[in-house]
Amino acid sequence: MEEEQVKPQNDTAFTEDDDDPPTLSSHTLAALKEFLQQQQTITDQTAQTDGEGSGTGEKVALIAEDWRLSQFWYDQLTAETVANEVYALLSNPSSLAVCIACPTLYAYIKKIYPSVNVQLLEYDKRFEQYGSDFTFYDYNKPEDLPDQFKHAFQVVVADPPYLSQECLEKVAQTISFLAIPGKSYVLLLTGDVQKDRAAELLGLHSCGFRPQHSSKLGNEFRLFTNYDPGNETRRVGAGEIDLYSLHGSGELPLLQTCKYVLFS
């Protein structure tokens, strides 16, 4: 994602004859403070993502949300639960997963399972800190991606940045480009208002799990999948269960009541 360049205006106006030391304007001080906070966040996140995790541990420090880019990070329990689901769906260590516009999930996957092969497709170039795991992605160019990504990922997770028909249609093109026909697991996190389009475009159906965000949103979010999690393992539960009421019980039901529809 593009970032605005901060251009101080009349921040320091002094000459060699000035007796007082130069001072910065409030505008420049605010920009400097934001920059230093972002640098500290990056340092904290790097430190916390070292080593294997077990699932529900320390919270991952993330770069500040940019509301101009429609960024809203998942809360810790949501991110950890979906990360565990992604890991459970990968059939072997060489299998690949990809996160489309959901950097929170990527960060938690790498924290809990550092050895997992996962790519992050993201518009915000601040996430270039993830090195070769980062690929710039603009949903307006849904297939403008490396050739080696075509039909390469066993698990595809997407969180379209906008709740519009156009955005979902283009992200659906990206999912089709990345997924292995007839074999990939697809997870879509988006507003409940998109349920009909998710079914029409990708054959996805909503599950009992309801994603939550650190910043409380007015729109109800759901998780849509192309498989029935209830048919996989007991890591998933039954019915419209409140995941948060079960946190810490040793059993964290995630998804349920999905029709089994392999992506094709």
C-alpha atoms as a PDB file:
ATOM      1  CA  MET A   1       0.000   0.000   0.000  1.00  0.00           C
ATOM      2  CA  GLU A   2       1.271   3.414  -0.782  1.00  0.00           C
ATOM      3  CA  GLU A   3       2.278   5.695   2.041  1.00  0.00           C
ATOM      4  CA  GLU A   4       2.036   9.443   2.073  1.00  0.00           C
ATOM      5  CA  GLN A   5       5.313  11.305   2.283  1.00  0.00           C
ATOM      6  CA  VAL A   6       5.452  13.676   5.252  1.00  0.00           C
ATOM      7  CA  LYS A   7       6.576  17.107   4.043  1.00  0.00           C
ATOM      8  CA  PRO A   8       7.240  19.480   6.926  1.00  0.00           C
ATOM      9  CA  GLN A   9       6.051  22.996   6.315  1.00  0.00           C
ATOM     10  CA  ASN A  10       8.140  25.779   7.883  1.00  0.00           C
ATOM     11  CA  ASP A  11       9.428  23.334  10.479  1.00  0.00           C
ATOM     12  CA  THR A  12      12.784  25.011  11.061  1.00  0.00           C
ATOM     13  CA  ALA A  13      13.309  28.608  10.050  1.00  0.00           C
ATOM     14  CA  PHE A  14      16.522  29.894  11.544  1.00  0.00           C
ATOM     15  CA  THR A  15      19.841  31.466  10.602  1.00  0.00           C
ATOM     16  CA  GLU A  16      23.331  31.325  11.983  1.00  0.00           C
ATOM     17  CA  ASP A  17      22.607  34.536  13.934  1.00  0.00           C
ATOM     18  CA  ASP A  18      19.716  32.982  15.888  1.00  0.00           C
ATOM     19  CA  ASP A  19      20.434  32.682  19.609  1.00  0.00           C
ATOM     20  CA  ASP A  20      17.708  30.090  20.331  1.00  0.00           C
ATOM     21  CA  PRO A  21      18.151  26.449  19.247  1.00  0.00           C
ATOM     22  CA  PRO A  22      15.982  25.277  16.318  1.00  0.00           C
ATOM     23  CA  THR A  23      12.606  23.812  17.166  1.00  0.00           C
ATOM     24  CA  LEU A  24      10.237  21.523  15.285  1.00  0.00           C
ATOM     25  CA  SER A  25       6.647  22.312  14.542  1.00  0.00           C
ATOM     26  CA  SER A  26       3.883  20.221  16.115  1.00  0.00           C
ATOM     27  CA  HIS A  27       3.209  18.703  12.672  1.00  0.00           C
ATOM     28  CA  THR A  28       6.772  17.428  12.344  1.00  0.00           C
ATOM     29  CA  LEU A  29       6.922  16.211  15.945  1.00  0.00           C
ATOM     30  CA  ALA A  30       3.768  14.167  15.389  1.00  0.00           C
ATOM     31  CA  ALA A  31       5.213  12.651  12.202  1.00  0.00           C
ATOM     32  CA  LEU A  32       8.463  11.802  13.995  1.00  0.00           C
ATOM     33  CA  LYS A  33       6.586  10.201  16.881  1.00  0.00           C
ATOM     34  CA  GLU A  34       4.560   8.040  14.480  1.00  0.00           C
ATOM     35  CA  PHE A  35       7.731   6.934  12.676  1.00  0.00           C
ATOM     36  CA  LEU A  36       9.470   5.963  15.934  1.00  0.00           C
ATOM     37  CA  GLN A  37       6.401   4.035  17.109  1.00  0.00           C
ATOM     38  CA  GLN A  38       6.300   2.064  13.855  1.00  0.00           C
ATOM     39  CA  GLN A  39       9.993   1.225  14.149  1.00  0.00           C
ATOM     40  CA  GLN A  40       9.506  -0.011  17.709  1.00  0.00           C
ATOM     41  CA  THR A  41       6.517  -2.101  16.622  1.00  0.00           C
ATOM     42  CA  ILE A  42       8.602  -3.779  13.931  1.00  0.00           C
ATOM     43  CA  THR A  43      11.332  -4.536  16.481  1.00  0.00           C
ATOM     44  CA  ASP A  44       8.837  -5.984  18.966  1.00  0.00           C
ATOM     45  CA  GLN A  45       7.184  -8.161  16.317  1.00  0.00           C
ATOM     46  CA  THR A  46      10.505  -9.552  15.115  1.00  0.00           C
ATOM     47  CA  ALA A  47      11.419 -10.504  18.664  1.00  0.00           C
ATOM     48  CA  GLN A  48       8.089 -12.198  19.325  1.00  0.00           C
ATOM     49  CA  THR A  49       8.008 -14.269  16.143  1.00  0.00           C
ATOM     50  CA  ASP A  50      11.233 -16.153  16.984  1.00  0.00           C
ATOM     51  CA  GLY A  51      10.790 -19.779  18.030  1.00  0.00           C
ATOM     52  CA  GLU A  52       7.914 -22.272  18.013  1.00  0.00           C
ATOM     53  CA  GLY A  53       4.632 -21.398  19.640  1.00  0.00           C
ATOM     54  CA  SER A  54       1.868 -23.606  20.990  1.00  0.00           C
ATOM     55  CA  GLY A  55      -1.233 -21.693  19.944  1.00  0.00           C
ATOM     56  CA  THR A  56      -2.403 -19.329  22.644  1.00  0.00           C
ATOM     57  CA  GLY A  57       0.635 -17.411  23.807  1.00  0.00           C
ATOM     58  CA  GLU A  58       1.826 -13.851  23.707  1.00  0.00           C
ATOM     59  CA  LYS A  59       0.045 -11.341  21.550  1.00  0.00           C
ATOM     60  CA  VAL A  60       1.867 -10.475  18.333  1.00  0.00           C
ATOM     61  CA  ALA A  61       2.744  -6.803  17.971  1.00  0.00           C
ATOM     62  CA  LEU A  62       1.542  -5.436  14.653  1.00  0.00           C
ATOM     63  CA  ILE A  63       2.101  -2.305  12.630  1.00  0.00           C
ATOM     64  CA  ALA A  64      -0.569   0.273  13.344  1.00  0.00           C
ATOM     65  CA  GLU A  65      -3.780  -0.054  11.336  1.00  0.00           C
ATOM     66  CA  ASP A  66      -4.194   2.452   8.517  1.00  0.00           C
ATOM     67  CA  TRP A  67      -7.891   3.231   8.237  1.00  0.00           C
ATOM     68  CA  ARG A  68      -7.282   4.875   4.844  1.00  0.00           C
ATOM     69  CA  LEU A  69      -6.416   1.396   3.560  1.00  0.00           C
ATOM     70  CA  SER A  70      -9.400  -0.236   5.297  1.00  0.00           C
ATOM     71  CA  GLN A  71      -7.108  -2.085   7.700  1.00  0.00           C
ATOM     72  CA  PHE A  72      -8.668  -3.740  10.756  1.00  0.00           C
ATOM     73  CA  TRP A  73      -6.605  -6.391  12.523  1.00  0.00           C
ATOM     74  CA  TYR A  74      -8.101  -9.576  14.001  1.00  0.00           C
ATOM     75  CA  ASP A  75      -8.030  -9.981  17.738  1.00  0.00           C
ATOM     76  CA  GLN A  76      -5.631 -12.526  19.190  1.00  0.00           C
ATOM     77  CA  LEU A  77      -8.084 -15.385  19.630  1.00  0.00           C
ATOM     78  CA  THR A  78      -9.413 -15.083  16.085  1.00  0.00           C
ATOM     79  CA  ALA A  79      -5.926 -14.961  14.587  1.00  0.00           C
ATOM     80  CA  GLU A  80      -4.652 -17.911  16.616  1.00  0.00           C
ATOM     81  CA  THR A  81      -7.719 -20.044  15.901  1.00  0.00           C
ATOM     82  CA  VAL A  82      -7.620 -19.508  12.137  1.00  0.00           C
ATOM     83  CA  ALA A  83      -3.832 -20.017  12.164  1.00  0.00           C
ATOM     84  CA  ASN A  84      -4.334 -23.407  13.823  1.00  0.00           C
ATOM     85  CA  GLU A  85      -6.973 -24.277  11.233  1.00  0.00           C
ATOM     86  CA  VAL A  86      -4.622 -23.409   8.370  1.00  0.00           C
ATOM     87  CA  TYR A  87      -1.878 -25.558   9.878  1.00  0.00           C
ATOM     88  CA  ALA A  88      -4.249 -28.503  10.335  1.00  0.00           C
ATOM     89  CA  LEU A  89      -5.296 -28.317   6.672  1.00  0.00           C
ATOM     90  CA  LEU A  90      -1.746 -28.507   5.296  1.00  0.00           C
ATOM     91  CA  SER A  91      -1.059 -32.114   4.373  1.00  0.00           C
ATOM     92  CA  ASN A  92       2.739 -32.085   4.605  1.00  0.00           C
ATOM     93  CA  PRO A  93       5.658 -29.720   5.372  1.00  0.00           C
ATOM     94  CA  SER A  94       6.104 -28.847   1.703  1.00  0.00           C
ATOM     95  CA  SER A  95       2.490 -27.721   1.259  1.00  0.00           C
ATOM     96  CA  LEU A  96       1.954 -24.005   0.700  1.00  0.00           C
ATOM     97  CA  ALA A  97      -0.500 -21.559   2.236  1.00  0.00           C
ATOM     98  CA  VAL A  98      -1.234 -17.987   1.198  1.00  0.00           C
ATOM     99  CA  CYS A  99      -2.861 -15.062   3.021  1.00  0.00           C
ATOM    100  CA  ILE A 100      -4.512 -12.483   0.775  1.00  0.00           C
ATOM    101  CA  ALA A 101      -4.781  -9.101   2.490  1.00  0.00           C
ATOM    102  CA  CYS A 102      -4.746 -10.563   6.011  1.00  0.00           C
ATOM    103  CA  PRO A 103      -1.364  -9.716   7.543  1.00  0.00           C
ATOM    104  CA  THR A 104      -2.605 -10.427  11.077  1.00  0.00           C
ATOM    105  CA  LEU A 105      -3.143 -14.059  10.170  1.00  0.00           C
ATOM    106  CA  TYR A 106       0.234 -14.318   8.462  1.00  0.00           C
ATOM    107  CA  ALA A 107       1.981 -12.935  11.567  1.00  0.00           C
ATOM    108  CA  TYR A 108       0.276 -15.429  13.883  1.00  0.00           C
ATOM    109  CA  ILE A 109       0.929 -18.396  11.592  1.00  0.00           C
ATOM    110  CA  LYS A 110       4.631 -17.571  11.568  1.00  0.00           C
ATOM    111  CA  LYS A 111       4.628 -17.019  15.337  1.00  0.00           C
ATOM    112  CA  ILE A 112       2.965 -20.334  16.152  1.00  0.00           C
ATOM    113  CA  TYR A 113       4.372 -22.403  13.266  1.00  0.00           C
ATOM    114  CA  PRO A 114       7.595 -20.752  12.045  1.00  0.00           C
ATOM    115  CA  SER A 115       8.388 -23.589   9.629  1.00  0.00           C
ATOM    116  CA  VAL A 116       5.124 -23.306   7.668  1.00  0.00           C
ATOM    117  CA  ASN A 117       5.514 -22.134   4.079  1.00  0.00           C
ATOM    118  CA  VAL A 118       3.121 -19.197   3.847  1.00  0.00           C
ATOM    119  CA  GLN A 119       3.005 -16.181   1.570  1.00  0.00           C
ATOM    120  CA  LEU A 120       1.454 -12.799   2.306  1.00  0.00           C
ATOM    121  CA  LEU A 121      -0.134 -10.923  -0.604  1.00  0.00           C
ATOM    122  CA  GLU A 122      -0.569  -7.348   0.569  1.00  0.00           C
ATOM    123  CA  TYR A 123      -0.860  -3.811  -0.811  1.00  0.00           C
ATOM    124  CA  ASP A 124       0.760  -2.111   2.183  1.00  0.00           C
ATOM    125  CA  LYS A 125       4.483  -2.037   1.509  1.00  0.00           C
ATOM    126  CA  ARG A 126       5.244  -1.605   5.198  1.00  0.00           C
ATOM    127  CA  PHE A 127       4.976  -5.412   5.281  1.00  0.00           C
ATOM    128  CA  GLU A 128       8.003  -5.767   3.038  1.00  0.00           C
ATOM    129  CA  GLN A 129       9.739  -6.416   6.361  1.00  0.00           C
ATOM    130  CA  TYR A 130       8.678 -10.049   5.878  1.00  0.00           C
ATOM    131  CA  GLY A 131      11.164 -10.394   3.033  1.00  0.00           C
ATOM    132  CA  SER A 132      10.546 -13.119   0.463  1.00  0.00           C
ATOM    133  CA  ASP A 133       7.257 -14.067   2.166  1.00  0.00           C
ATOM    134  CA  PHE A 134       5.806 -10.727   1.032  1.00  0.00           C
ATOM    135  CA  THR A 135       4.394 -10.129  -2.446  1.00  0.00           C
ATOM    136  CA  PHE A 136       2.859  -6.817  -3.423  1.00  0.00           C
ATOM    137  CA  TYR A 137      -0.814  -7.273  -4.309  1.00  0.00           C
ATOM    138  CA  ASP A 138      -3.349  -4.873  -5.779  1.00  0.00           C
ATOM    139  CA  TYR A 139      -6.813  -6.407  -6.002  1.00  0.00           C
ATOM    140  CA  ASN A 140      -7.497  -4.222  -9.052  1.00  0.00           C
ATOM    141  CA  LYS A 141      -4.939  -6.420 -10.858  1.00  0.00           C
ATOM    142  CA  PRO A 142      -6.102  -9.798  -9.568  1.00  0.00           C
ATOM    143  CA  GLU A 143      -3.688 -11.983 -11.569  1.00  0.00           C
ATOM    144  CA  ASP A 144      -0.669  -9.693 -11.608  1.00  0.00           C
ATOM    145  CA  LEU A 145       1.325 -12.209  -9.575  1.00  0.00           C
ATOM    146  CA  PRO A 146       4.425 -14.380 -10.062  1.00  0.00           C
ATOM    147  CA  ASP A 147       3.863 -17.249 -12.490  1.00  0.00           C
ATOM    148  CA  GLN A 148       5.010 -19.780  -9.901  1.00  0.00           C
ATOM    149  CA  PHE A 149       2.024 -18.867  -7.726  1.00  0.00           C
ATOM    150  CA  LYS A 150      -0.498 -20.186 -10.248  1.00  0.00           C
ATOM    151  CA  HIS A 151      -2.369 -23.206  -8.820  1.00  0.00           C
ATOM    152  CA  ALA A 152       0.366 -23.646  -6.199  1.00  0.00           C
ATOM    153  CA  PHE A 153      -1.337 -23.282  -2.795  1.00  0.00           C
ATOM    154  CA  GLN A 154      -3.106 -25.969  -0.815  1.00  0.00           C
ATOM    155  CA  VAL A 155      -4.682 -23.457   1.574  1.00  0.00           C
ATOM    156  CA  VAL A 156      -5.879 -20.035   0.401  1.00  0.00           C
ATOM    157  CA  VAL A 157      -7.156 -17.497   2.926  1.00  0.00           C
ATOM    158  CA  ALA A 158      -8.540 -14.131   1.827  1.00  0.00           C
ATOM    159  CA  ASP A 159      -9.920 -11.063   3.558  1.00  0.00           C
ATOM    160  CA  PRO A 160     -10.993  -8.561   0.870  1.00  0.00           C
ATOM    161  CA  PRO A 161     -10.272  -4.992   1.996  1.00  0.00           C
ATOM    162  CA  TYR A 162     -13.697  -3.685   0.972  1.00  0.00           C
ATOM    163  CA  LEU A 163     -17.262  -4.988   1.296  1.00  0.00           C
ATOM    164  CA  SER A 164     -18.135  -4.316  -2.325  1.00  0.00           C
ATOM    165  CA  GLN A 165     -19.182  -6.609  -5.135  1.00  0.00           C
ATOM    166  CA  GLU A 166     -16.333  -5.412  -7.331  1.00  0.00           C
ATOM    167  CA  CYS A 167     -13.705  -6.107  -4.683  1.00  0.00           C
ATOM    168  CA  LEU A 168     -14.975  -9.612  -3.948  1.00  0.00           C
ATOM    169  CA  GLU A 169     -15.203 -10.449  -7.658  1.00  0.00           C
ATOM    170  CA  LYS A 170     -11.579  -9.460  -8.213  1.00  0.00           C
ATOM    171  CA  VAL A 171     -10.328 -11.236  -5.096  1.00  0.00           C
ATOM    172  CA  ALA A 172     -12.237 -14.312  -6.299  1.00  0.00           C
ATOM    173  CA  GLN A 173     -10.167 -14.156  -9.502  1.00  0.00           C
ATOM    174  CA  THR A 174      -7.031 -14.112  -7.404  1.00  0.00           C
ATOM    175  CA  ILE A 175      -8.221 -17.106  -5.376  1.00  0.00           C
ATOM    176  CA  SER A 176      -8.910 -19.044  -8.583  1.00  0.00           C
ATOM    177  CA  PHE A 177      -5.418 -18.173  -9.813  1.00  0.00           C
ATOM    178  CA  LEU A 178      -3.730 -19.381  -6.631  1.00  0.00           C
ATOM    179  CA  ALA A 179      -5.785 -22.456  -5.720  1.00  0.00           C
ATOM    180  CA  ILE A 180      -5.123 -25.980  -6.949  1.00  0.00           C
ATOM    181  CA  PRO A 181      -8.293 -26.938  -8.893  1.00  0.00           C
ATOM    182  CA  GLY A 182     -10.321 -29.500  -6.954  1.00  0.00           C
ATOM    183  CA  LYS A 183      -7.766 -29.795  -4.147  1.00  0.00           C
ATOM    184  CA  SER A 184      -7.335 -26.514  -2.298  1.00  0.00           C
ATOM    185  CA  TYR A 185      -9.009 -25.441   0.911  1.00  0.00           C
ATOM    186  CA  VAL A 186     -10.386 -21.913   0.660  1.00  0.00           C
ATOM    187  CA  LEU A 187     -11.233 -19.708   3.635  1.00  0.00           C
ATOM    188  CA  LEU A 188     -12.814 -16.283   3.130  1.00  0.00           C
ATOM    189  CA  LEU A 189     -13.186 -13.825   5.996  1.00  0.00           C
ATOM    190  CA  THR A 190     -15.587 -11.044   5.119  1.00  0.00           C
ATOM    191  CA  GLY A 191     -18.891  -9.435   6.031  1.00  0.00           C
ATOM    192  CA  ASP A 192     -22.046 -11.500   6.334  1.00  0.00           C
ATOM    193  CA  VAL A 193     -23.535  -9.273   3.628  1.00  0.00           C
ATOM    194  CA  GLN A 194     -21.298 -11.078   1.128  1.00  0.00           C
ATOM    195  CA  LYS A 195     -22.688 -14.568   1.763  1.00  0.00           C
ATOM    196  CA  ASP A 196     -24.687 -14.795  -1.466  1.00  0.00           C
ATOM    197  CA  ARG A 197     -21.799 -13.535  -3.592  1.00  0.00           C
ATOM    198  CA  ALA A 198     -19.357 -15.889  -1.832  1.00  0.00           C
ATOM    199  CA  ALA A 199     -21.588 -18.818  -2.716  1.00  0.00           C
ATOM    200  CA  GLU A 200     -22.129 -17.656  -6.290  1.00  0.00           C
ATOM    201  CA  LEU A 201     -18.518 -16.794  -7.103  1.00  0.00           C
ATOM    202  CA  LEU A 202     -16.603 -19.445  -5.179  1.00  0.00           C
ATOM    203  CA  GLY A 203     -19.039 -22.044  -3.870  1.00  0.00           C
ATOM    204  CA  LEU A 204     -18.319 -20.992  -0.272  1.00  0.00           C
ATOM    205  CA  HIS A 205     -20.692 -21.267   2.663  1.00  0.00           C
ATOM    206  CA  SER A 206     -20.627 -19.647   6.081  1.00  0.00           C
ATOM    207  CA  CYS A 207     -19.697 -21.481   9.247  1.00  0.00           C
ATOM    208  CA  GLY A 208     -20.516 -21.016  12.905  1.00  0.00           C
ATOM    209  CA  PHE A 209     -17.248 -19.240  13.648  1.00  0.00           C
ATOM    210  CA  ARG A 210     -17.487 -15.460  13.835  1.00  0.00           C
ATOM    211  CA  PRO A 211     -14.196 -13.571  13.423  1.00  0.00           C
ATOM    212  CA  GLN A 212     -13.585 -10.675  15.781  1.00  0.00           C
ATOM    213  CA  HIS A 213     -11.369  -7.616  15.354  1.00  0.00           C
ATOM    214  CA  SER A 214      -9.295  -5.615  17.795  1.00  0.00           C
ATOM    215  CA  SER A 215     -11.239  -2.540  16.698  1.00  0.00           C
ATOM    216  CA  LYS A 216     -14.920  -3.336  17.103  1.00  0.00           C
ATOM    217  CA  LEU A 217     -16.647  -3.080  13.735  1.00  0.00           C
ATOM    218  CA  GLY A 218     -20.278  -2.400  13.000  1.00  0.00           C
ATOM    219  CA  ASN A 219     -20.457  -5.024  10.238  1.00  0.00           C
ATOM    220  CA  GLU A 220     -20.943  -8.655  11.230  1.00  0.00           C
ATOM    221  CA  PHE A 221     -18.099 -10.791   9.912  1.00  0.00           C
ATOM    222  CA  ARG A 222     -18.212 -14.466   9.053  1.00  0.00           C
ATOM    223  CA  LEU A 223     -15.866 -17.171   7.863  1.00  0.00           C
ATOM    224  CA  PHE A 224     -16.799 -18.887   4.593  1.00  0.00           C
ATOM    225  CA  THR A 225     -15.199 -22.146   3.446  1.00  0.00           C
ATOM    226  CA  ASN A 226     -15.360 -24.613   0.562  1.00  0.00           C
ATOM    227  CA  TYR A 227     -15.209 -27.625   2.877  1.00  0.00           C
ATOM    228  CA  ASP A 228     -17.108 -28.911   5.890  1.00  0.00           C
ATOM    229  CA  PRO A 229     -14.833 -28.424   8.901  1.00  0.00           C
ATOM    230  CA  GLY A 230     -17.060 -30.788  10.873  1.00  0.00           C
ATOM    231  CA  ASN A 231     -15.884 -33.594   8.596  1.00  0.00           C
ATOM    232  CA  GLU A 232     -12.208 -32.902   9.245  1.00  0.00           C
ATOM    233  CA  THR A 233     -11.228 -33.332  12.927  1.00  0.00           C
ATOM    234  CA  ARG A 234     -12.553 -32.509  16.378  1.00  0.00           C
ATOM    235  CA  ARG A 235     -10.536 -29.287  16.278  1.00  0.00           C
ATOM    236  CA  VAL A 236     -13.797 -27.858  14.964  1.00  0.00           C
ATOM    237  CA  GLY A 237     -17.045 -27.846  16.855  1.00  0.00           C
ATOM    238  CA  ALA A 238     -20.770 -28.027  16.298  1.00  0.00           C
ATOM    239  CA  GLY A 239     -23.428 -25.432  15.784  1.00  0.00           C
ATOM    240  CA  GLU A 240     -23.372 -21.700  16.439  1.00  0.00           C
ATOM    241  CA  ILE A 241     -20.911 -21.925  19.322  1.00  0.00           C
ATOM    242  CA  ASP A 242     -19.457 -18.845  20.973  1.00  0.00           C
ATOM    243  CA  LEU A 243     -15.762 -19.543  20.615  1.00  0.00           C
ATOM    244  CA  TYR A 244     -14.843 -16.962  23.224  1.00  0.00           C
ATOM    245  CA  SER A 245     -16.844 -18.634  25.977  1.00  0.00           C
ATOM    246  CA  LEU A 246     -14.810 -21.798  25.417  1.00  0.00           C
ATOM    247  CA  HIS A 247     -11.390 -20.164  25.341  1.00  0.00           C
ATOM    248  CA  GLY A 248      -9.124 -21.888  27.841  1.00  0.00           C
ATOM    249  CA  SER A 249     -11.314 -24.999  28.101  1.00  0.00           C
ATOM    250  CA  GLY A 250      -8.851 -27.054  26.076  1.00  0.00           C
ATOM    251  CA  GLU A 251     -11.292 -27.446  23.203  1.00  0.00           C
ATOM    252  CA  LEU A 252     -11.803 -24.584  20.771  1.00  0.00           C
ATOM    253  CA  PRO A 253     -14.530 -25.318  18.234  1.00  0.00           C
ATOM    254  CA  LEU A 254     -14.000 -23.228  15.123  1.00  0.00           C
ATOM    255  CA  LEU A 255     -16.198 -23.963  12.154  1.00  0.00           C
ATOM    256  CA  GLN A 256     -19.375 -25.873  11.503  1.00  0.00           C
ATOM    257  CA  THR A 257     -22.465 -26.328   9.350  1.00  0.00           C
ATOM    258  CA  CYS A 258     -20.699 -25.812   6.028  1.00  0.00           C
ATOM    259  CA  LYS A 259     -21.640 -27.714   2.931  1.00  0.00           C
ATOM    260  CA  TYR A 260     -18.778 -29.854   1.634  1.00  0.00           C
ATOM    261  CA  VAL A 261     -17.867 -28.260  -1.698  1.00  0.00           C
ATOM    262  CA  LEU A 262     -14.309 -28.808  -2.962  1.00  0.00           C
ATOM    263  CA  PHE A 263     -13.012 -25.775  -4.796  1.00  0.00           C
ATOM    264  CA  SER A 264     -12.976 -26.181  -8.550  1.00  0.00           C
END
